[in-house]
């Protein structure tokens, strides 16, 4: 053990402060990582149970009903179908069967011409991949074709009539996977959507808050970090988009979920404006960084307006999850626009005017996500912002400041 020598009087323990700060940061990262991993487990829990049930049923049916002494490919096909992106399982089943058909045809034809062996296997796989790519097939079909061609070449010498069982396995596995998803164990599409929407909306709200704090403190580095995190949003958006497609598929295939179609339509329509809100927020934060760098004025209502946008996003998430009309989210979005109008009236520079414009645009996106038509949303935005007829940068009198918006009626 190494003991630290005691500090002489008047000296500051800089190393201790740095170590404490680093330790706290690592502790925070550990908590965040654990939270993310638990969230992923919750997201994938339903899929894992579905895959296990589908694999077990495929094995049992292939062994007991079809008298297959080696029921391997049926469970593999079932799990392969369920492993597809949520919302593309019907398509994956069709691709699975097509890939098997093409692989059997190519494998049998080339075996007839050149026989079996190591170099023949390499030739069969190469030809199968090139032909399916030339035909414009998807990656899934290409993989299934090559895998089936490998099975035909390697197992044909020891197993007779492999082609028909391979077809049956593909039909059996894909069909059971769809049966489990649609009838036996259909997931609640709204619950899946709420869990998938949470990371995207949390990211949007958190970075808006970080931008508002950065503007208040004129902290360029903190605002830049918010910008970098906002740009790294592909995973959150992909998760939301995939969940929407999966919910649509479940509501289409599962009779038990048909009554959810109307609610799912609303979610599907909200996906695009949420995507636009995230892109516009990226522009808002980027201009905020430039605003700080150029030492432009930051009227108090400007960061307040951005903070109201963050709260509007959180309210939208909460009211979506509760199945409520998102009236509070709409009101908070309009409050953000009203504060942006006050900031503009107080006097802003070039980048500040862009930030104000982006507050308006992002608020409009959130209103549309809440179920408001675009034209009506634009009208509410103009009313909340107020009439500003002065040049940018010129302070306005008290009478020019727009009034706070009243709660809009529910359409």
Foldseek 3Di string as FASTA:
>chain_A
DDDDDDDDPPDDPPVVVVVVVVVVVVVVVVVVVVVVVVLVCVLCVLLVVLLVVLLVVQQCCCCPVVVDPDSDLLSVLQNQLSPPQQLCSVVLLVLLLLLLVLLVVLLVVLCVVPNADDVSLVVSLVVLLVVCVVVVHDPSSNVNSSVNSNCCRPCCVPDPPVSVVNSVSSCNSSVSNLCSCAEVRPDQLLVSLLSLQVVLLLLLLVLLLQLLVCLVVLPLVSLVVSLVSLVPCPVSLVSNVSSLSNSVVNCVRHPVNVVCVVLSVLSVQLSVLSVVLSVLVSLLSVLSSVCSVVVKDDPNLLSVLSNLLSVLSVLLSVCSSVVHQSQVSLLSLLQSLLSLLQRQQQATDDSSVSNSVSSLSSSLSSVVSSPDDSVVSNVSSDLSNADDDDDHGDHHDPVRRHDRDDRDDDD
